[in-house]
């Protein structure tokens, strides 16, 4: 009986070990598969974060807009303000400035910005704000300037849209890409010619430009009642 019991115990141990080994291998395989799935998920998240973290800089903006312009040919936009709508035609012969404006429009940058400088019988200037949200939008899109492009035959006639130069030390008159101004002066503002890039013109809504230009302002030319850009959208 002792021998039989010993044999039975030995067989039981072998069976238990075999079962444990199979279970262990099964768990390891499942664990490896799970690790691979986790790694794949992490890689997808990382790739998405890299895409989301893309920002425009002085070094990459020209290459980016060159490629962007090929597939984004839109050239008309509508600016919605709390005083009415302004329709704009963007010029094809200033491609970087046109595609930059389209890119910012599609990025919803202009929503919530303001006409922050208003000088009657001169210009109304927009694309900035004292709201922190505007600064955060700029941080997300990137910090960059655009080269001047003011030798395309355009002049600062009434209704022309132009891009102001950066306020930093700027001997090459690089343009501040987030902002623009509309010439409201009846006879134009031709003393600005050769200093700022004209990249579009108002095709409808100059009466709204005149209304905004006539608003009372403080000593900094900021309207006493904020003039918001509610949105900018592409039109046909």
C-alpha atoms as a PDB file:
ATOM      1  CA  UNK A   1       0.000   0.000   0.000  1.00  0.00           C
ATOM      2  CA  UNK A   2       2.821   2.375   0.757  1.00  0.00           C
ATOM      3  CA  UNK A   3       4.329   1.791  -2.683  1.00  0.00           C
ATOM      4  CA  UNK A   4       0.975   2.275  -4.404  1.00  0.00           C
ATOM      5  CA  UNK A   5       0.332   5.460  -2.423  1.00  0.00           C
ATOM      6  CA  UNK A   6       3.794   6.719  -3.294  1.00  0.00           C
ATOM      7  CA  UNK A   7       3.168   6.086  -7.007  1.00  0.00           C
ATOM      8  CA  UNK A   8      -0.204   7.826  -6.855  1.00  0.00           C
ATOM      9  CA  UNK A   9       1.306  10.847  -5.131  1.00  0.00           C
ATOM     10  CA  UNK A  10       4.124  11.004  -7.712  1.00  0.00           C
ATOM     11  CA  UNK A  11       1.671  10.863 -10.631  1.00  0.00           C
ATOM     12  CA  UNK A  12      -0.484  13.573  -9.036  1.00  0.00           C
ATOM     13  CA  UNK A  13       2.522  15.886  -8.648  1.00  0.00           C
ATOM     14  CA  UNK A  14       3.512  15.378 -12.294  1.00  0.00           C
ATOM     15  CA  UNK A  15      -0.028  16.153 -13.445  1.00  0.00           C
ATOM     16  CA  UNK A  16      -0.211  19.280 -11.254  1.00  0.00           C
ATOM     17  CA  UNK A  17       3.185  20.527 -12.505  1.00  0.00           C
ATOM     18  CA  UNK A  18       2.140  19.932 -16.111  1.00  0.00           C
ATOM     19  CA  UNK A  19      -1.086  21.854 -15.607  1.00  0.00           C
ATOM     20  CA  UNK A  20       0.734  24.684 -13.889  1.00  0.00           C
ATOM     21  CA  UNK A  21       3.237  24.902 -16.740  1.00  0.00           C
ATOM     22  CA  UNK A  22       0.443  25.106 -19.342  1.00  0.00           C
ATOM     23  CA  UNK A  23      -1.339  27.757 -17.332  1.00  0.00           C
ATOM     24  CA  UNK A  24       1.852  29.747 -16.956  1.00  0.00           C
ATOM     25  CA  UNK A  25       2.570  29.673 -20.694  1.00  0.00           C
ATOM     26  CA  UNK A  26      -0.978  30.719 -21.454  1.00  0.00           C
ATOM     27  CA  UNK A  27      -0.753  33.677 -19.076  1.00  0.00           C
ATOM     28  CA  UNK A  28       2.626  34.742 -20.430  1.00  0.00           C
ATOM     29  CA  UNK A  29       1.338  34.716 -24.006  1.00  0.00           C
ATOM     30  CA  UNK A  30      -1.720  36.729 -23.070  1.00  0.00           C
ATOM     31  CA  UNK A  31       0.448  39.133 -21.130  1.00  0.00           C
ATOM     32  CA  UNK A  32       2.791  39.658 -24.092  1.00  0.00           C
ATOM     33  CA  UNK A  33      -0.168  40.310 -26.384  1.00  0.00           C
ATOM     34  CA  UNK A  34      -1.561  42.816 -23.884  1.00  0.00           C
ATOM     35  CA  UNK A  35       1.831  44.536 -23.672  1.00  0.00           C
ATOM     36  CA  UNK A  36       1.937  44.813 -27.457  1.00  0.00           C
ATOM     37  CA  UNK A  37      -1.550  46.324 -27.497  1.00  0.00           C
ATOM     38  CA  UNK A  38      -0.532  48.819 -24.807  1.00  0.00           C
ATOM     39  CA  UNK A  39       2.626  49.722 -26.731  1.00  0.00           C
ATOM     40  CA  UNK A  40       0.605  50.224 -29.916  1.00  0.00           C
ATOM     41  CA  UNK A  41      -1.879  52.412 -28.064  1.00  0.00           C
ATOM     42  CA  UNK A  42       0.954  54.419 -26.524  1.00  0.00           C
ATOM     43  CA  UNK A  43       2.525  54.872 -29.959  1.00  0.00           C
ATOM     44  CA  UNK A  44      -0.767  56.108 -31.396  1.00  0.00           C
ATOM     45  CA  UNK A  45      -1.149  58.565 -28.522  1.00  0.00           C
ATOM     46  CA  UNK A  46       2.450  59.745 -28.978  1.00  0.00           C
ATOM     47  CA  UNK A  47       1.971  60.221 -32.718  1.00  0.00           C
ATOM     48  CA  UNK A  48      -1.219  62.170 -32.067  1.00  0.00           C
ATOM     49  CA  UNK A  49       0.548  64.340 -29.512  1.00  0.00           C
ATOM     50  CA  UNK A  50       3.350  65.027 -31.989  1.00  0.00           C
ATOM     51  CA  UNK A  51       0.775  66.119 -34.587  1.00  0.00           C
ATOM     52  CA  UNK A  52      -0.998  68.296 -32.044  1.00  0.00           C
ATOM     53  CA  UNK A  53       2.273  69.863 -30.941  1.00  0.00           C
ATOM     54  CA  UNK A  54       3.228  71.001 -34.477  1.00  0.00           C
ATOM     55  CA  UNK A  55       3.826  74.726 -34.433  1.00  0.00           C
ATOM     56  CA  UNK A  56       4.752  77.231 -37.075  1.00  0.00           C
ATOM     57  CA  UNK A  57       8.135  78.928 -36.694  1.00  0.00           C
ATOM     58  CA  UNK A  58      10.286  81.268 -38.745  1.00  0.00           C
ATOM     59  CA  UNK A  59      12.204  78.194 -39.893  1.00  0.00           C
ATOM     60  CA  UNK A  60       9.288  76.110 -41.173  1.00  0.00           C
ATOM     61  CA  UNK A  61       6.542  78.584 -42.097  1.00  0.00           C
ATOM     62  CA  UNK A  62       7.513  79.155 -45.739  1.00  0.00           C
ATOM     63  CA  UNK A  63       7.817  75.448 -46.513  1.00  0.00           C
ATOM     64  CA  UNK A  64       4.551  74.783 -44.695  1.00  0.00           C
ATOM     65  CA  UNK A  65       2.588  77.531 -46.486  1.00  0.00           C
ATOM     66  CA  UNK A  66       4.113  76.547 -49.843  1.00  0.00           C
ATOM     67  CA  UNK A  67       2.658  73.055 -49.447  1.00  0.00           C
ATOM     68  CA  UNK A  68      -0.538  74.280 -47.790  1.00  0.00           C
ATOM     69  CA  UNK A  69      -1.242  76.638 -50.681  1.00  0.00           C
ATOM     70  CA  UNK A  70      -1.318  73.762 -53.170  1.00  0.00           C
ATOM     71  CA  UNK A  71      -4.410  72.178 -51.614  1.00  0.00           C
ATOM     72  CA  UNK A  72      -6.107  75.226 -50.110  1.00  0.00           C
ATOM     73  CA  UNK A  73      -6.954  77.547 -52.982  1.00  0.00           C
ATOM     74  CA  UNK A  74      -9.837  79.406 -51.333  1.00  0.00           C
ATOM     75  CA  UNK A  75      -9.657  83.162 -51.847  1.00  0.00           C
ATOM     76  CA  UNK A  76     -12.856  84.636 -50.408  1.00  0.00           C
ATOM     77  CA  UNK A  77     -13.777  85.036 -46.765  1.00  0.00           C
ATOM     78  CA  UNK A  78     -16.526  86.697 -44.768  1.00  0.00           C
ATOM     79  CA  UNK A  79     -15.730  88.529 -41.545  1.00  0.00           C
ATOM     80  CA  UNK A  80     -18.631  88.586 -39.101  1.00  0.00           C
ATOM     81  CA  UNK A  81     -18.648  91.489 -36.638  1.00  0.00           C
ATOM     82  CA  UNK A  82     -21.251  92.734 -34.183  1.00  0.00           C
ATOM     83  CA  UNK A  83     -21.922  95.570 -36.673  1.00  0.00           C
ATOM     84  CA  UNK A  84     -22.305  93.503 -39.810  1.00  0.00           C
ATOM     85  CA  UNK A  85     -20.394  91.439 -42.345  1.00  0.00           C
ATOM     86  CA  UNK A  86     -17.354  92.268 -44.464  1.00  0.00           C
ATOM     87  CA  UNK A  87     -16.532  90.154 -47.525  1.00  0.00           C
ATOM     88  CA  UNK A  88     -12.925  89.954 -48.642  1.00  0.00           C
ATOM     89  CA  UNK A  89     -11.150  88.774 -51.789  1.00  0.00           C
ATOM     90  CA  UNK A  90      -7.620  87.508 -51.122  1.00  0.00           C
ATOM     91  CA  UNK A  91      -5.067  88.038 -53.886  1.00  0.00           C
ATOM     92  CA  UNK A  92      -3.502  85.016 -55.567  1.00  0.00           C
ATOM     93  CA  UNK A  93      -0.235  86.840 -56.290  1.00  0.00           C
ATOM     94  CA  UNK A  94       0.529  87.132 -52.579  1.00  0.00           C
ATOM     95  CA  UNK A  95       0.341  83.355 -51.982  1.00  0.00           C
ATOM     96  CA  UNK A  96       2.004  83.142 -48.559  1.00  0.00           C
ATOM     97  CA  UNK A  97      -0.155  85.858 -47.054  1.00  0.00           C
ATOM     98  CA  UNK A  98      -3.305  84.475 -48.682  1.00  0.00           C
ATOM     99  CA  UNK A  99      -2.660  80.905 -47.531  1.00  0.00           C
ATOM    100  CA  UNK A 100      -1.669  82.158 -44.079  1.00  0.00           C
ATOM    101  CA  UNK A 101      -5.028  83.918 -43.741  1.00  0.00           C
ATOM    102  CA  UNK A 102      -6.860  80.807 -44.957  1.00  0.00           C
ATOM    103  CA  UNK A 103      -4.902  78.635 -42.520  1.00  0.00           C
ATOM    104  CA  UNK A 104      -5.782  80.910 -39.594  1.00  0.00           C
ATOM    105  CA  UNK A 105      -9.406  80.991 -40.743  1.00  0.00           C
ATOM    106  CA  UNK A 106      -9.612  77.196 -40.842  1.00  0.00           C
ATOM    107  CA  UNK A 107      -7.898  77.082 -37.435  1.00  0.00           C
ATOM    108  CA  UNK A 108     -10.650  79.359 -36.018  1.00  0.00           C
ATOM    109  CA  UNK A 109      -8.013  81.798 -34.852  1.00  0.00           C
ATOM    110  CA  UNK A 110      -9.962  84.976 -35.547  1.00  0.00           C
ATOM    111  CA  UNK A 111     -13.032  84.061 -33.511  1.00  0.00           C
ATOM    112  CA  UNK A 112     -13.131  86.335 -30.474  1.00  0.00           C
ATOM    113  CA  UNK A 113     -10.413  88.683 -31.691  1.00  0.00           C
ATOM    114  CA  UNK A 114     -11.189  92.365 -32.089  1.00  0.00           C
ATOM    115  CA  UNK A 115     -10.815  95.468 -34.171  1.00  0.00           C
ATOM    116  CA  UNK A 116      -8.477  96.885 -31.568  1.00  0.00           C
ATOM    117  CA  UNK A 117      -7.207  99.961 -33.411  1.00  0.00           C
ATOM    118  CA  UNK A 118      -9.686 102.276 -35.097  1.00  0.00           C
ATOM    119  CA  UNK A 119      -8.634 105.579 -36.697  1.00  0.00           C
ATOM    120  CA  UNK A 120     -11.378 107.353 -38.592  1.00  0.00           C
ATOM    121  CA  UNK A 121     -10.426 108.450 -42.109  1.00  0.00           C
ATOM    122  CA  UNK A 122      -7.432 106.126 -42.040  1.00  0.00           C
ATOM    123  CA  UNK A 123      -7.626 102.388 -41.121  1.00  0.00           C
ATOM    124  CA  UNK A 124      -9.291  99.841 -38.884  1.00  0.00           C
ATOM    125  CA  UNK A 125      -6.950  97.160 -37.562  1.00  0.00           C
ATOM    126  CA  UNK A 126      -7.912  93.705 -36.298  1.00  0.00           C
ATOM    127  CA  UNK A 127      -6.725  90.241 -35.310  1.00  0.00           C
ATOM    128  CA  UNK A 128      -5.642  90.850 -31.729  1.00  0.00           C
ATOM    129  CA  UNK A 129      -7.361  91.000 -28.352  1.00  0.00           C
ATOM    130  CA  UNK A 130      -6.790  91.664 -24.664  1.00  0.00           C
ATOM    131  CA  UNK A 131      -8.327  88.251 -23.944  1.00  0.00           C
ATOM    132  CA  UNK A 132      -5.942  85.525 -22.758  1.00  0.00           C
ATOM    133  CA  UNK A 133      -7.665  83.081 -25.152  1.00  0.00           C
ATOM    134  CA  UNK A 134      -6.120  84.889 -28.117  1.00  0.00           C
ATOM    135  CA  UNK A 135      -2.662  84.549 -26.646  1.00  0.00           C
ATOM    136  CA  UNK A 136      -3.244  80.854 -26.025  1.00  0.00           C
ATOM    137  CA  UNK A 137      -4.362  80.379 -29.631  1.00  0.00           C
ATOM    138  CA  UNK A 138      -1.158  82.017 -30.842  1.00  0.00           C
ATOM    139  CA  UNK A 139       0.927  79.798 -28.617  1.00  0.00           C
ATOM    140  CA  UNK A 140      -0.780  76.744 -30.077  1.00  0.00           C
ATOM    141  CA  UNK A 141      -0.356  77.819 -33.711  1.00  0.00           C
ATOM    142  CA  UNK A 142       3.197  79.115 -33.336  1.00  0.00           C
ATOM    143  CA  UNK A 143       5.407  82.182 -33.302  1.00  0.00           C
ATOM    144  CA  UNK A 144       6.518  83.341 -36.727  1.00  0.00           C
ATOM    145  CA  UNK A 145       6.701  86.258 -39.152  1.00  0.00           C
ATOM    146  CA  UNK A 146       6.039  86.462 -42.886  1.00  0.00           C
ATOM    147  CA  UNK A 147       8.396  88.067 -45.412  1.00  0.00           C
ATOM    148  CA  UNK A 148       7.200  91.260 -47.082  1.00  0.00           C
ATOM    149  CA  UNK A 149       5.614  90.954 -50.502  1.00  0.00           C
ATOM    150  CA  UNK A 150       4.756  94.521 -51.444  1.00  0.00           C
ATOM    151  CA  UNK A 151       5.988  94.609 -55.040  1.00  0.00           C
ATOM    152  CA  UNK A 152       2.935  92.990 -56.632  1.00  0.00           C
ATOM    153  CA  UNK A 153       1.371  96.154 -58.032  1.00  0.00           C
ATOM    154  CA  UNK A 154      -1.122  96.749 -55.227  1.00  0.00           C
ATOM    155  CA  UNK A 155      -1.475 100.110 -53.497  1.00  0.00           C
ATOM    156  CA  UNK A 156      -3.204 101.110 -50.292  1.00  0.00           C
ATOM    157  CA  UNK A 157      -6.443 102.249 -51.878  1.00  0.00           C
ATOM    158  CA  UNK A 158      -9.685 102.423 -49.921  1.00  0.00           C
ATOM    159  CA  UNK A 159     -10.840  98.922 -49.046  1.00  0.00           C
ATOM    160  CA  UNK A 160      -7.447  97.259 -49.389  1.00  0.00           C
ATOM    161  CA  UNK A 161      -6.430  94.744 -46.714  1.00  0.00           C
ATOM    162  CA  UNK A 162      -2.830  94.807 -45.609  1.00  0.00           C
ATOM    163  CA  UNK A 163      -0.662  93.124 -43.007  1.00  0.00           C
ATOM    164  CA  UNK A 164       1.151  95.234 -40.382  1.00  0.00           C
ATOM    165  CA  UNK A 165       4.823  94.812 -39.656  1.00  0.00           C
ATOM    166  CA  UNK A 166       5.977  93.233 -36.432  1.00  0.00           C
ATOM    167  CA  UNK A 167       6.636  95.631 -33.578  1.00  0.00           C
ATOM    168  CA  UNK A 168      10.013  94.029 -32.876  1.00  0.00           C
ATOM    169  CA  UNK A 169      13.279  95.280 -34.381  1.00  0.00           C
ATOM    170  CA  UNK A 170      12.328  94.641 -37.980  1.00  0.00           C
ATOM    171  CA  UNK A 171      14.621  96.072 -40.682  1.00  0.00           C
ATOM    172  CA  UNK A 172      13.143  93.755 -43.342  1.00  0.00           C
ATOM    173  CA  UNK A 173       9.571  94.800 -42.507  1.00  0.00           C
ATOM    174  CA  UNK A 174       8.491  91.248 -41.736  1.00  0.00           C
ATOM    175  CA  UNK A 175       4.729  90.981 -41.370  1.00  0.00           C
ATOM    176  CA  UNK A 176       2.835  90.093 -38.209  1.00  0.00           C
ATOM    177  CA  UNK A 177       0.780  87.132 -39.498  1.00  0.00           C
ATOM    178  CA  UNK A 178      -2.100  87.250 -37.018  1.00  0.00           C
ATOM    179  CA  UNK A 179      -3.205  90.810 -37.725  1.00  0.00           C
ATOM    180  CA  UNK A 180      -4.523  92.854 -40.620  1.00  0.00           C
ATOM    181  CA  UNK A 181      -5.848  96.318 -41.347  1.00  0.00           C
ATOM    182  CA  UNK A 182      -8.395  97.675 -43.801  1.00  0.00           C
ATOM    183  CA  UNK A 183      -7.845 101.061 -45.432  1.00  0.00           C
ATOM    184  CA  UNK A 184     -10.909 103.197 -44.753  1.00  0.00           C
ATOM    185  CA  UNK A 185      -9.645 106.564 -45.974  1.00  0.00           C
ATOM    186  CA  UNK A 186     -11.543 107.706 -49.072  1.00  0.00           C
ATOM    187  CA  UNK A 187      -8.431 108.722 -50.995  1.00  0.00           C
ATOM    188  CA  UNK A 188      -6.405 105.775 -49.742  1.00  0.00           C
ATOM    189  CA  UNK A 189      -3.313 105.703 -47.526  1.00  0.00           C
ATOM    190  CA  UNK A 190      -0.591 105.661 -50.149  1.00  0.00           C
ATOM    191  CA  UNK A 191       2.163 106.734 -47.768  1.00  0.00           C
ATOM    192  CA  UNK A 192       1.986 103.106 -46.594  1.00  0.00           C
ATOM    193  CA  UNK A 193       2.863 101.752 -50.050  1.00  0.00           C
ATOM    194  CA  UNK A 194       6.137  99.835 -50.111  1.00  0.00           C
ATOM    195  CA  UNK A 195       6.073  99.239 -46.375  1.00  0.00           C
ATOM    196  CA  UNK A 196       3.249  96.739 -45.857  1.00  0.00           C
ATOM    197  CA  UNK A 197       1.996  93.756 -47.837  1.00  0.00           C
ATOM    198  CA  UNK A 198      -1.446  94.216 -49.383  1.00  0.00           C
ATOM    199  CA  UNK A 199      -3.017  90.785 -49.743  1.00  0.00           C
ATOM    200  CA  UNK A 200      -6.716  91.412 -50.331  1.00  0.00           C
ATOM    201  CA  UNK A 201      -9.559  93.858 -50.794  1.00  0.00           C
ATOM    202  CA  UNK A 202     -13.087  94.346 -49.482  1.00  0.00           C
ATOM    203  CA  UNK A 203     -15.642  93.341 -52.117  1.00  0.00           C
ATOM    204  CA  UNK A 204     -18.724  93.873 -49.967  1.00  0.00           C
ATOM    205  CA  UNK A 205     -19.349  95.602 -46.656  1.00  0.00           C
ATOM    206  CA  UNK A 206     -17.358  98.846 -46.813  1.00  0.00           C
ATOM    207  CA  UNK A 207     -20.314 100.486 -45.086  1.00  0.00           C
ATOM    208  CA  UNK A 208     -19.537  98.263 -42.084  1.00  0.00           C
ATOM    209  CA  UNK A 209     -15.895  99.361 -42.248  1.00  0.00           C
ATOM    210  CA  UNK A 210     -17.108 102.997 -42.138  1.00  0.00           C
ATOM    211  CA  UNK A 211     -19.379 102.301 -39.160  1.00  0.00           C
ATOM    212  CA  UNK A 212     -16.506 100.765 -37.211  1.00  0.00           C
ATOM    213  CA  UNK A 213     -14.134 103.565 -38.208  1.00  0.00           C
ATOM    214  CA  UNK A 214     -16.532 106.164 -36.800  1.00  0.00           C
ATOM    215  CA  UNK A 215     -16.833 104.573 -33.361  1.00  0.00           C
ATOM    216  CA  UNK A 216     -15.551 106.541 -30.348  1.00  0.00           C
ATOM    217  CA  UNK A 217     -12.183 105.351 -29.056  1.00  0.00           C
ATOM    218  CA  UNK A 218      -9.839 105.884 -26.139  1.00  0.00           C
ATOM    219  CA  UNK A 219      -6.426 107.556 -26.365  1.00  0.00           C
ATOM    220  CA  UNK A 220      -4.927 104.334 -27.751  1.00  0.00           C
ATOM    221  CA  UNK A 221      -7.464 104.228 -30.621  1.00  0.00           C
ATOM    222  CA  UNK A 222      -9.174 101.231 -29.009  1.00  0.00           C
ATOM    223  CA  UNK A 223     -12.994 101.403 -29.411  1.00  0.00           C
ATOM    224  CA  UNK A 224     -14.735 102.239 -26.155  1.00  0.00           C
ATOM    225  CA  UNK A 225     -17.124  99.375 -26.895  1.00  0.00           C
ATOM    226  CA  UNK A 226     -15.211  96.315 -28.077  1.00  0.00           C
ATOM    227  CA  UNK A 227     -15.730  95.371 -31.721  1.00  0.00           C
ATOM    228  CA  UNK A 228     -15.480  91.602 -31.896  1.00  0.00           C
ATOM    229  CA  UNK A 229     -14.873  89.353 -34.844  1.00  0.00           C
ATOM    230  CA  UNK A 230     -17.452  86.682 -34.143  1.00  0.00           C
ATOM    231  CA  UNK A 231     -16.020  84.433 -36.843  1.00  0.00           C
ATOM    232  CA  UNK A 232     -14.344  84.364 -40.230  1.00  0.00           C
ATOM    233  CA  UNK A 233     -15.538  81.806 -42.757  1.00  0.00           C
ATOM    234  CA  UNK A 234     -14.670  80.846 -46.316  1.00  0.00           C
ATOM    235  CA  UNK A 235     -17.289  81.719 -48.940  1.00  0.00           C
ATOM    236  CA  UNK A 236     -17.684  80.928 -52.640  1.00  0.00           C
END
